[in-house]
PDB file of N, CA and C in Angstrom:
ATOM      1  N   UNK A   1     -49.941  10.497 -65.779  1.00  0.00           N
ATOM      2  CA  UNK A   1     -49.277   9.494 -66.588  1.00  0.00           C
ATOM      3  C   UNK A   1     -48.160  10.166 -67.349  1.00  0.00           C
ATOM      4  N   UNK A   2     -46.996   9.546 -67.363  1.00  0.00           N
ATOM      5  CA  UNK A   2     -45.853  10.090 -68.074  1.00  0.00           C
ATOM      6  C   UNK A   2     -45.456   9.147 -69.189  1.00  0.00           C
ATOM      7  N   UNK A   3     -45.162   9.699 -70.323  1.00  0.00           N
ATOM      8  CA  UNK A   3     -44.678   8.922 -71.454  1.00  0.00           C
ATOM      9  C   UNK A   3     -43.297   9.425 -71.819  1.00  0.00           C
ATOM     10  N   UNK A   4     -42.435   8.516 -72.148  1.00  0.00           N
ATOM     11  CA  UNK A   4     -41.082   8.916 -72.516  1.00  0.00           C
ATOM     12  C   UNK A   4     -40.997   8.960 -74.031  1.00  0.00           C
ATOM     13  N   UNK A   5     -40.722  10.121 -74.558  1.00  0.00           N
ATOM     14  CA  UNK A   5     -40.614  10.317 -75.998  1.00  0.00           C
ATOM     15  C   UNK A   5     -39.259  10.926 -76.317  1.00  0.00           C
ATOM     16  N   UNK A   6     -38.216  10.225 -75.946  1.00  0.00           N
ATOM     17  CA  UNK A   6     -36.872  10.749 -76.131  1.00  0.00           C
ATOM     18  C   UNK A   6     -36.584  11.057 -77.587  1.00  0.00           C
ATOM     19  N   UNK A   7     -37.007  10.186 -78.494  1.00  0.00           N
ATOM     20  CA  UNK A   7     -36.724  10.390 -79.902  1.00  0.00           C
ATOM     21  C   UNK A   7     -37.397  11.652 -80.418  1.00  0.00           C
ATOM     22  N   UNK A   8     -38.637  11.887 -80.019  1.00  0.00           N
ATOM     23  CA  UNK A   8     -39.345  13.083 -80.464  1.00  0.00           C
ATOM     24  C   UNK A   8     -38.583  14.322 -80.035  1.00  0.00           C
ATOM     25  N   UNK A   9     -38.126  14.355 -78.786  1.00  0.00           N
ATOM     26  CA  UNK A   9     -37.399  15.523 -78.311  1.00  0.00           C
ATOM     27  C   UNK A   9     -36.046  15.645 -78.992  1.00  0.00           C
ATOM     28  N   UNK A  10     -35.383  14.528 -79.198  1.00  0.00           N
ATOM     29  CA  UNK A  10     -34.080  14.573 -79.868  1.00  0.00           C
ATOM     30  C   UNK A  10     -34.234  15.039 -81.303  1.00  0.00           C
ATOM     31  N   UNK A  11     -35.230  14.527 -82.008  1.00  0.00           N
ATOM     32  CA  UNK A  11     -35.458  14.971 -83.372  1.00  0.00           C
ATOM     33  C   UNK A  11     -35.854  16.431 -83.415  1.00  0.00           C
ATOM     34  N   UNK A  12     -36.632  16.843 -82.433  1.00  0.00           N
ATOM     35  CA  UNK A  12     -37.049  18.236 -82.377  1.00  0.00           C
ATOM     36  C   UNK A  12     -35.875  19.179 -82.264  1.00  0.00           C
ATOM     37  N   UNK A  13     -34.837  18.749 -81.604  1.00  0.00           N
ATOM     38  CA  UNK A  13     -33.692  19.625 -81.421  1.00  0.00           C
ATOM     39  C   UNK A  13     -32.918  19.840 -82.713  1.00  0.00           C
ATOM     40  N   UNK A  14     -33.093  18.945 -83.681  1.00  0.00           N
ATOM     41  CA  UNK A  14     -32.426  19.127 -84.966  1.00  0.00           C
ATOM     42  C   UNK A  14     -33.436  19.254 -86.096  1.00  0.00           C
ATOM     43  N   UNK A  15     -34.693  19.433 -85.751  1.00  0.00           N
ATOM     44  CA  UNK A  15     -35.771  19.454 -86.730  1.00  0.00           C
ATOM     45  C   UNK A  15     -35.823  20.732 -87.534  1.00  0.00           C
ATOM     46  N   UNK A  16     -36.994  21.282 -87.662  1.00  0.00           N
ATOM     47  CA  UNK A  16     -37.228  22.403 -88.556  1.00  0.00           C
ATOM     48  C   UNK A  16     -36.627  23.701 -88.053  1.00  0.00           C
ATOM     49  N   UNK A  17     -36.127  23.703 -86.873  1.00  0.00           N
ATOM     50  CA  UNK A  17     -35.453  24.896 -86.362  1.00  0.00           C
ATOM     51  C   UNK A  17     -36.396  25.788 -85.600  1.00  0.00           C
ATOM     52  N   UNK A  18     -35.891  26.921 -85.208  1.00  0.00           N
ATOM     53  CA  UNK A  18     -36.664  27.854 -84.430  1.00  0.00           C
ATOM     54  C   UNK A  18     -35.882  28.253 -83.209  1.00  0.00           C
ATOM     55  N   UNK A  19     -36.302  29.340 -82.620  1.00  0.00           N
ATOM     56  CA  UNK A  19     -35.549  29.867 -81.491  1.00  0.00           C
ATOM     57  C   UNK A  19     -35.987  29.304 -80.153  1.00  0.00           C
ATOM     58  N   UNK A  20     -37.120  28.619 -80.099  1.00  0.00           N
ATOM     59  CA  UNK A  20     -37.594  28.073 -78.836  1.00  0.00           C
ATOM     60  C   UNK A  20     -37.796  26.572 -78.972  1.00  0.00           C
ATOM     61  N   UNK A  21     -37.887  25.850 -77.840  1.00  0.00           N
ATOM     62  CA  UNK A  21     -38.157  24.409 -77.912  1.00  0.00           C
ATOM     63  C   UNK A  21     -39.456  24.096 -78.667  1.00  0.00           C
ATOM     64  N   UNK A  22     -40.495  24.917 -78.481  1.00  0.00           N
ATOM     65  CA  UNK A  22     -41.754  24.703 -79.203  1.00  0.00           C
ATOM     66  C   UNK A  22     -41.553  24.866 -80.701  1.00  0.00           C
ATOM     67  N   UNK A  23     -40.800  25.886 -81.103  1.00  0.00           N
ATOM     68  CA  UNK A  23     -40.529  26.099 -82.528  1.00  0.00           C
ATOM     69  C   UNK A  23     -39.746  24.935 -83.122  1.00  0.00           C
ATOM     70  N   UNK A  24     -38.812  24.380 -82.357  1.00  0.00           N
ATOM     71  CA  UNK A  24     -37.981  23.285 -82.849  1.00  0.00           C
ATOM     72  C   UNK A  24     -38.791  22.015 -83.104  1.00  0.00           C
ATOM     73  N   UNK A  25     -39.943  21.866 -82.445  1.00  0.00           N
ATOM     74  CA  UNK A  25     -40.791  20.686 -82.629  1.00  0.00           C
ATOM     75  C   UNK A  25     -41.729  20.809 -83.820  1.00  0.00           C
ATOM     76  N   UNK A  26     -41.839  21.977 -84.425  1.00  0.00           N
ATOM     77  CA  UNK A  26     -42.771  22.192 -85.536  1.00  0.00           C
ATOM     78  C   UNK A  26     -42.615  21.098 -86.587  1.00  0.00           C
ATOM     79  N   UNK A  27     -43.725  20.551 -87.029  1.00  0.00           N
ATOM     80  CA  UNK A  27     -43.722  19.503 -88.047  1.00  0.00           C
ATOM     81  C   UNK A  27     -44.292  18.212 -87.506  1.00  0.00           C
ATOM     82  N   UNK A  28     -44.088  17.144 -88.244  1.00  0.00           N
ATOM     83  CA  UNK A  28     -44.600  15.825 -87.857  1.00  0.00           C
ATOM     84  C   UNK A  28     -43.440  14.890 -87.550  1.00  0.00           C
ATOM     85  N   UNK A  29     -43.619  14.099 -86.501  1.00  0.00           N
ATOM     86  CA  UNK A  29     -42.587  13.168 -86.035  1.00  0.00           C
ATOM     87  C   UNK A  29     -43.217  11.808 -85.813  1.00  0.00           C
ATOM     88  N   UNK A  30     -42.533  10.754 -86.222  1.00  0.00           N
ATOM     89  CA  UNK A  30     -43.008   9.387 -86.028  1.00  0.00           C
ATOM     90  C   UNK A  30     -42.027   8.643 -85.132  1.00  0.00           C
ATOM     91  N   UNK A  31     -42.557   7.752 -84.303  1.00  0.00           N
ATOM     92  CA  UNK A  31     -41.747   6.996 -83.361  1.00  0.00           C
ATOM     93  C   UNK A  31     -42.283   5.574 -83.260  1.00  0.00           C
ATOM     94  N   UNK A  32     -41.415   4.604 -83.434  1.00  0.00           N
ATOM     95  CA  UNK A  32     -41.770   3.207 -83.186  1.00  0.00           C
ATOM     96  C   UNK A  32     -41.400   2.912 -81.737  1.00  0.00           C
ATOM     97  N   UNK A  33     -42.381   2.586 -80.905  1.00  0.00           N
ATOM     98  CA  UNK A  33     -42.135   2.333 -79.494  1.00  0.00           C
ATOM     99  C   UNK A  33     -41.760   0.871 -79.267  1.00  0.00           C
ATOM    100  N   UNK A  34     -41.051   0.603 -78.175  1.00  0.00           N
ATOM    101  CA  UNK A  34     -40.589  -0.752 -77.873  1.00  0.00           C
ATOM    102  C   UNK A  34     -41.747  -1.715 -77.600  1.00  0.00           C
ATOM    103  N   UNK A  35     -42.928  -1.206 -77.270  1.00  0.00           N
ATOM    104  CA  UNK A  35     -44.079  -2.069 -77.009  1.00  0.00           C
ATOM    105  C   UNK A  35     -44.833  -2.438 -78.285  1.00  0.00           C
ATOM    106  N   UNK A  36     -44.287  -2.063 -79.454  1.00  0.00           N
ATOM    107  CA  UNK A  36     -44.922  -2.393 -80.725  1.00  0.00           C
ATOM    108  C   UNK A  36     -45.852  -1.322 -81.251  1.00  0.00           C
ATOM    109  N   UNK A  37     -46.075  -0.290 -80.482  1.00  0.00           N
ATOM    110  CA  UNK A  37     -46.948   0.801 -80.906  1.00  0.00           C
ATOM    111  C   UNK A  37     -46.183   1.778 -81.804  1.00  0.00           C
ATOM    112  N   UNK A  38     -46.913   2.425 -82.680  1.00  0.00           N
ATOM    113  CA  UNK A  38     -46.367   3.493 -83.507  1.00  0.00           C
ATOM    114  C   UNK A  38     -47.051   4.792 -83.081  1.00  0.00           C
ATOM    115  N   UNK A  39     -46.271   5.839 -82.922  1.00  0.00           N
ATOM    116  CA  UNK A  39     -46.781   7.123 -82.453  1.00  0.00           C
ATOM    117  C   UNK A  39     -46.442   8.191 -83.485  1.00  0.00           C
ATOM    118  N   UNK A  40     -47.412   9.005 -83.827  1.00  0.00           N
ATOM    119  CA  UNK A  40     -47.189  10.127 -84.746  1.00  0.00           C
ATOM    120  C   UNK A  40     -47.662  11.398 -84.054  1.00  0.00           C
ATOM    121  N   UNK A  41     -46.754  12.361 -83.931  1.00  0.00           N
ATOM    122  CA  UNK A  41     -47.065  13.680 -83.367  1.00  0.00           C
ATOM    123  C   UNK A  41     -46.941  14.714 -84.465  1.00  0.00           C
ATOM    124  N   UNK A  42     -47.878  15.639 -84.528  1.00  0.00           N
ATOM    125  CA  UNK A  42     -47.768  16.801 -85.414  1.00  0.00           C
ATOM    126  C   UNK A  42     -47.901  18.036 -84.546  1.00  0.00           C
ATOM    127  N   UNK A  43     -46.882  18.877 -84.583  1.00  0.00           N
ATOM    128  CA  UNK A  43     -46.846  20.099 -83.780  1.00  0.00           C
ATOM    129  C   UNK A  43     -46.967  21.321 -84.679  1.00  0.00           C
ATOM    130  N   UNK A  44     -47.926  22.182 -84.381  1.00  0.00           N
ATOM    131  CA  UNK A  44     -48.086  23.498 -85.000  1.00  0.00           C
ATOM    132  C   UNK A  44     -48.372  24.432 -83.839  1.00  0.00           C
ATOM    133  N   UNK A  45     -47.330  24.976 -83.257  1.00  0.00           N
ATOM    134  CA  UNK A  45     -47.407  25.707 -81.995  1.00  0.00           C
ATOM    135  C   UNK A  45     -48.530  26.737 -82.002  1.00  0.00           C
ATOM    136  N   UNK A  46     -49.377  26.727 -80.968  1.00  0.00           N
ATOM    137  CA  UNK A  46     -49.317  25.970 -79.721  1.00  0.00           C
ATOM    138  C   UNK A  46     -50.121  24.677 -79.754  1.00  0.00           C
ATOM    139  N   UNK A  47     -50.508  24.200 -80.945  1.00  0.00           N
ATOM    140  CA  UNK A  47     -51.381  23.032 -81.052  1.00  0.00           C
ATOM    141  C   UNK A  47     -50.608  21.780 -81.446  1.00  0.00           C
ATOM    142  N   UNK A  48     -51.199  20.639 -81.129  1.00  0.00           N
ATOM    143  CA  UNK A  48     -50.635  19.361 -81.534  1.00  0.00           C
ATOM    144  C   UNK A  48     -51.759  18.407 -81.893  1.00  0.00           C
ATOM    145  N   UNK A  49     -51.426  17.401 -82.679  1.00  0.00           N
ATOM    146  CA  UNK A  49     -52.298  16.255 -82.937  1.00  0.00           C
ATOM    147  C   UNK A  49     -51.432  15.023 -82.756  1.00  0.00           C
ATOM    148  N   UNK A  50     -51.989  14.008 -82.130  1.00  0.00           N
ATOM    149  CA  UNK A  50     -51.236  12.806 -81.804  1.00  0.00           C
ATOM    150  C   UNK A  50     -52.062  11.598 -82.211  1.00  0.00           C
ATOM    151  N   UNK A  51     -51.436  10.663 -82.874  1.00  0.00           N
ATOM    152  CA  UNK A  51     -52.077   9.402 -83.220  1.00  0.00           C
ATOM    153  C   UNK A  51     -51.208   8.249 -82.763  1.00  0.00           C
ATOM    154  N   UNK A  52     -51.824   7.225 -82.207  1.00  0.00           N
ATOM    155  CA  UNK A  52     -51.075   6.058 -81.758  1.00  0.00           C
ATOM    156  C   UNK A  52     -51.837   4.811 -82.177  1.00  0.00           C
ATOM    157  N   UNK A  53     -51.114   3.883 -82.786  1.00  0.00           N
ATOM    158  CA  UNK A  53     -51.698   2.598 -83.170  1.00  0.00           C
ATOM    159  C   UNK A  53     -50.891   1.499 -82.493  1.00  0.00           C
ATOM    160  N   UNK A  54     -51.609   0.542 -81.881  1.00  0.00           N
ATOM    161  CA  UNK A  54     -50.952  -0.516 -81.112  1.00  0.00           C
ATOM    162  C   UNK A  54     -51.563  -1.872 -81.450  1.00  0.00           C
ATOM    163  N   UNK A  55     -50.728  -2.913 -81.489  1.00  0.00           N
ATOM    164  CA  UNK A  55     -51.273  -4.264 -81.657  1.00  0.00           C
ATOM    165  C   UNK A  55     -51.963  -4.708 -80.360  1.00  0.00           C
ATOM    166  N   UNK A  56     -53.106  -5.342 -80.509  1.00  0.00           N
ATOM    167  CA  UNK A  56     -53.846  -5.859 -79.359  1.00  0.00           C
ATOM    168  C   UNK A  56     -53.578  -7.349 -79.213  1.00  0.00           C
ATOM    169  N   UNK A  57     -53.846  -7.892 -78.042  1.00  0.00           N
ATOM    170  CA  UNK A  57     -53.556  -9.303 -77.772  1.00  0.00           C
ATOM    171  C   UNK A  57     -54.387 -10.249 -78.636  1.00  0.00           C
ATOM    172  N   UNK A  58     -55.530  -9.786 -79.156  1.00  0.00           N
ATOM    173  CA  UNK A  58     -56.369 -10.650 -80.001  1.00  0.00           C
ATOM    174  C   UNK A  58     -55.970 -10.587 -81.476  1.00  0.00           C
ATOM    175  N   UNK A  59     -54.889  -9.861 -81.800  1.00  0.00           N
ATOM    176  CA  UNK A  59     -54.418  -9.769 -83.180  1.00  0.00           C
ATOM    177  C   UNK A  59     -54.916  -8.544 -83.918  1.00  0.00           C
ATOM    178  N   UNK A  60     -55.895  -7.851 -83.359  1.00  0.00           N
ATOM    179  CA  UNK A  60     -56.379  -6.616 -83.957  1.00  0.00           C
ATOM    180  C   UNK A  60     -55.447  -5.468 -83.591  1.00  0.00           C
ATOM    181  N   UNK A  61     -55.789  -4.275 -84.046  1.00  0.00           N
ATOM    182  CA  UNK A  61     -55.038  -3.076 -83.699  1.00  0.00           C
ATOM    183  C   UNK A  61     -55.960  -2.055 -83.057  1.00  0.00           C
ATOM    184  N   UNK A  62     -55.453  -1.340 -82.068  1.00  0.00           N
ATOM    185  CA  UNK A  62     -56.188  -0.255 -81.440  1.00  0.00           C
ATOM    186  C   UNK A  62     -55.588   1.065 -81.899  1.00  0.00           C
ATOM    187  N   UNK A  63     -56.438   2.078 -82.055  1.00  0.00           N
ATOM    188  CA  UNK A  63     -55.980   3.375 -82.523  1.00  0.00           C
ATOM    189  C   UNK A  63     -56.549   4.448 -81.609  1.00  0.00           C
ATOM    190  N   UNK A  64     -55.707   5.362 -81.169  1.00  0.00           N
ATOM    191  CA  UNK A  64     -56.119   6.468 -80.302  1.00  0.00           C
ATOM    192  C   UNK A  64     -55.639   7.758 -80.947  1.00  0.00           C
ATOM    193  N   UNK A  65     -56.498   8.743 -81.006  1.00  0.00           N
ATOM    194  CA  UNK A  65     -56.102  10.057 -81.509  1.00  0.00           C
ATOM    195  C   UNK A  65     -56.503  11.113 -80.499  1.00  0.00           C
ATOM    196  N   UNK A  66     -55.714  12.173 -80.430  1.00  0.00           N
ATOM    197  CA  UNK A  66     -56.065  13.303 -79.575  1.00  0.00           C
ATOM    198  C   UNK A  66     -55.463  14.561 -80.171  1.00  0.00           C
ATOM    199  N   UNK A  67     -56.014  15.693 -79.753  1.00  0.00           N
ATOM    200  CA  UNK A  67     -55.481  16.986 -80.164  1.00  0.00           C
ATOM    201  C   UNK A  67     -55.653  17.953 -79.005  1.00  0.00           C
ATOM    202  N   UNK A  68     -54.860  18.994 -79.028  1.00  0.00           N
ATOM    203  CA  UNK A  68     -54.916  19.985 -77.962  1.00  0.00           C
ATOM    204  C   UNK A  68     -53.787  20.973 -78.097  1.00  0.00           C
ATOM    205  N   UNK A  69     -53.336  21.480 -76.972  1.00  0.00           N
ATOM    206  CA  UNK A  69     -52.228  22.432 -76.959  1.00  0.00           C
ATOM    207  C   UNK A  69     -51.046  21.802 -76.235  1.00  0.00           C
ATOM    208  N   UNK A  70     -49.863  22.353 -76.499  1.00  0.00           N
ATOM    209  CA  UNK A  70     -48.664  21.846 -75.844  1.00  0.00           C
ATOM    210  C   UNK A  70     -47.757  23.007 -75.479  1.00  0.00           C
ATOM    211  N   UNK A  71     -46.879  22.726 -74.536  1.00  0.00           N
ATOM    212  CA  UNK A  71     -45.791  23.651 -74.217  1.00  0.00           C
ATOM    213  C   UNK A  71     -44.526  22.804 -74.116  1.00  0.00           C
ATOM    214  N   UNK A  72     -43.393  23.428 -74.399  1.00  0.00           N
ATOM    215  CA  UNK A  72     -42.139  22.670 -74.413  1.00  0.00           C
ATOM    216  C   UNK A  72     -41.045  23.464 -73.731  1.00  0.00           C
ATOM    217  N   UNK A  73     -40.162  22.737 -73.069  1.00  0.00           N
ATOM    218  CA  UNK A  73     -38.932  23.304 -72.532  1.00  0.00           C
ATOM    219  C   UNK A  73     -37.795  22.504 -73.151  1.00  0.00           C
ATOM    220  N   UNK A  74     -36.583  22.755 -72.722  1.00  0.00           N
ATOM    221  CA  UNK A  74     -35.440  22.013 -73.249  1.00  0.00           C
ATOM    222  C   UNK A  74     -35.495  20.534 -72.877  1.00  0.00           C
ATOM    223  N   UNK A  75     -36.252  20.167 -71.827  1.00  0.00           N
ATOM    224  CA  UNK A  75     -36.238  18.785 -71.353  1.00  0.00           C
ATOM    225  C   UNK A  75     -37.591  18.082 -71.348  1.00  0.00           C
ATOM    226  N   UNK A  76     -38.692  18.759 -71.695  1.00  0.00           N
ATOM    227  CA  UNK A  76     -39.981  18.069 -71.682  1.00  0.00           C
ATOM    228  C   UNK A  76     -41.003  18.769 -72.553  1.00  0.00           C
ATOM    229  N   UNK A  77     -42.007  17.983 -72.931  1.00  0.00           N
ATOM    230  CA  UNK A  77     -43.172  18.489 -73.649  1.00  0.00           C
ATOM    231  C   UNK A  77     -44.384  18.171 -72.794  1.00  0.00           C
ATOM    232  N   UNK A  78     -45.220  19.157 -72.531  1.00  0.00           N
ATOM    233  CA  UNK A  78     -46.444  18.951 -71.760  1.00  0.00           C
ATOM    234  C   UNK A  78     -47.629  19.064 -72.707  1.00  0.00           C
ATOM    235  N   UNK A  79     -48.435  18.005 -72.762  1.00  0.00           N
ATOM    236  CA  UNK A  79     -49.605  17.934 -73.628  1.00  0.00           C
ATOM    237  C   UNK A  79     -50.854  18.230 -72.799  1.00  0.00           C
ATOM    238  N   UNK A  80     -51.731  19.082 -73.323  1.00  0.00           N
ATOM    239  CA  UNK A  80     -53.030  19.345 -72.702  1.00  0.00           C
ATOM    240  C   UNK A  80     -54.107  19.088 -73.754  1.00  0.00           C
ATOM    241  N   UNK A  81     -54.673  17.870 -73.761  1.00  0.00           N
ATOM    242  CA  UNK A  81     -55.652  17.530 -74.792  1.00  0.00           C
ATOM    243  C   UNK A  81     -56.974  18.260 -74.606  1.00  0.00           C
ATOM    244  N   UNK A  82     -57.594  18.604 -75.734  1.00  0.00           N
ATOM    245  CA  UNK A  82     -58.933  19.185 -75.722  1.00  0.00           C
ATOM    246  C   UNK A  82     -59.939  18.235 -76.365  1.00  0.00           C
ATOM    247  N   UNK A  83     -59.460  17.318 -77.221  1.00  0.00           N
ATOM    248  CA  UNK A  83     -60.299  16.291 -77.839  1.00  0.00           C
ATOM    249  C   UNK A  83     -59.496  14.998 -77.867  1.00  0.00           C
ATOM    250  N   UNK A  84     -60.196  13.867 -77.654  1.00  0.00           N
ATOM    251  CA  UNK A  84     -59.511  12.580 -77.698  1.00  0.00           C
ATOM    252  C   UNK A  84     -60.517  11.479 -77.999  1.00  0.00           C
ATOM    253  N   UNK A  85     -60.045  10.440 -78.691  1.00  0.00           N
ATOM    254  CA  UNK A  85     -60.922   9.310 -78.973  1.00  0.00           C
ATOM    255  C   UNK A  85     -61.077   8.411 -77.747  1.00  0.00           C
ATOM    256  N   UNK A  86     -60.106   8.449 -76.847  1.00  0.00           N
ATOM    257  CA  UNK A  86     -60.190   7.747 -75.570  1.00  0.00           C
ATOM    258  C   UNK A  86     -60.222   8.798 -74.460  1.00  0.00           C
ATOM    259  N   UNK A  87     -60.195   8.382 -73.226  1.00  0.00           N
ATOM    260  CA  UNK A  87     -60.240   9.313 -72.099  1.00  0.00           C
ATOM    261  C   UNK A  87     -59.086  10.308 -72.189  1.00  0.00           C
ATOM    262  N   UNK A  88     -59.406  11.595 -72.255  1.00  0.00           N
ATOM    263  CA  UNK A  88     -58.382  12.639 -72.352  1.00  0.00           C
ATOM    264  C   UNK A  88     -57.780  12.944 -70.984  1.00  0.00           C
ATOM    265  N   UNK A  89     -56.464  13.110 -70.949  1.00  0.00           N
ATOM    266  CA  UNK A  89     -55.772  13.472 -69.725  1.00  0.00           C
ATOM    267  C   UNK A  89     -54.479  14.185 -70.092  1.00  0.00           C
ATOM    268  N   UNK A  90     -54.064  15.101 -69.286  1.00  0.00           N
ATOM    269  CA  UNK A  90     -52.804  15.790 -69.528  1.00  0.00           C
ATOM    270  C   UNK A  90     -51.655  14.825 -69.284  1.00  0.00           C
ATOM    271  N   UNK A  91     -50.583  14.969 -70.045  1.00  0.00           N
ATOM    272  CA  UNK A  91     -49.428  14.114 -69.858  1.00  0.00           C
ATOM    273  C   UNK A  91     -48.178  14.852 -70.286  1.00  0.00           C
ATOM    274  N   UNK A  92     -47.061  14.359 -69.826  1.00  0.00           N
ATOM    275  CA  UNK A  92     -45.765  14.997 -70.075  1.00  0.00           C
ATOM    276  C   UNK A  92     -44.789  13.978 -70.616  1.00  0.00           C
ATOM    277  N   UNK A  93     -44.031  14.371 -71.606  1.00  0.00           N
ATOM    278  CA  UNK A  93     -42.941  13.549 -72.128  1.00  0.00           C
ATOM    279  C   UNK A  93     -41.654  14.169 -71.623  1.00  0.00           C
ATOM    280  N   UNK A  94     -40.809  13.351 -71.002  1.00  0.00           N
ATOM    281  CA  UNK A  94     -39.574  13.866 -70.402  1.00  0.00           C
ATOM    282  C   UNK A  94     -38.359  13.194 -71.002  1.00  0.00           C
ATOM    283  N   UNK A  95     -37.252  13.900 -70.963  1.00  0.00           N
ATOM    284  CA  UNK A  95     -35.968  13.295 -71.267  1.00  0.00           C
ATOM    285  C   UNK A  95     -35.339  12.832 -69.968  1.00  0.00           C
ATOM    286  N   UNK A  96     -34.236  12.129 -70.044  1.00  0.00           N
ATOM    287  CA  UNK A  96     -33.559  11.635 -68.832  1.00  0.00           C
ATOM    288  C   UNK A  96     -33.119  12.744 -67.934  1.00  0.00           C
TER     289      UNK A  96
END
């Protein structure tokens, strides 16, 4: 499964700084997705924590959290979860 997190990567490039893509992502980033979900990533290399809250069709909200390790290049972030509230799976966020 691939998720597009262009804003996270763009913010990372001007974020807290650092000499590598992983260093540039250090800190917490929030993203409002077009599907109504809100995503919060916290990066402390090589670890990450991710929280996502989404409106459900019945009017309630669903919340998913996961944590694990990540690696980053200039064009993508690869997440490898070690704990998750839902089914854990590796995923990659790519830029265009």
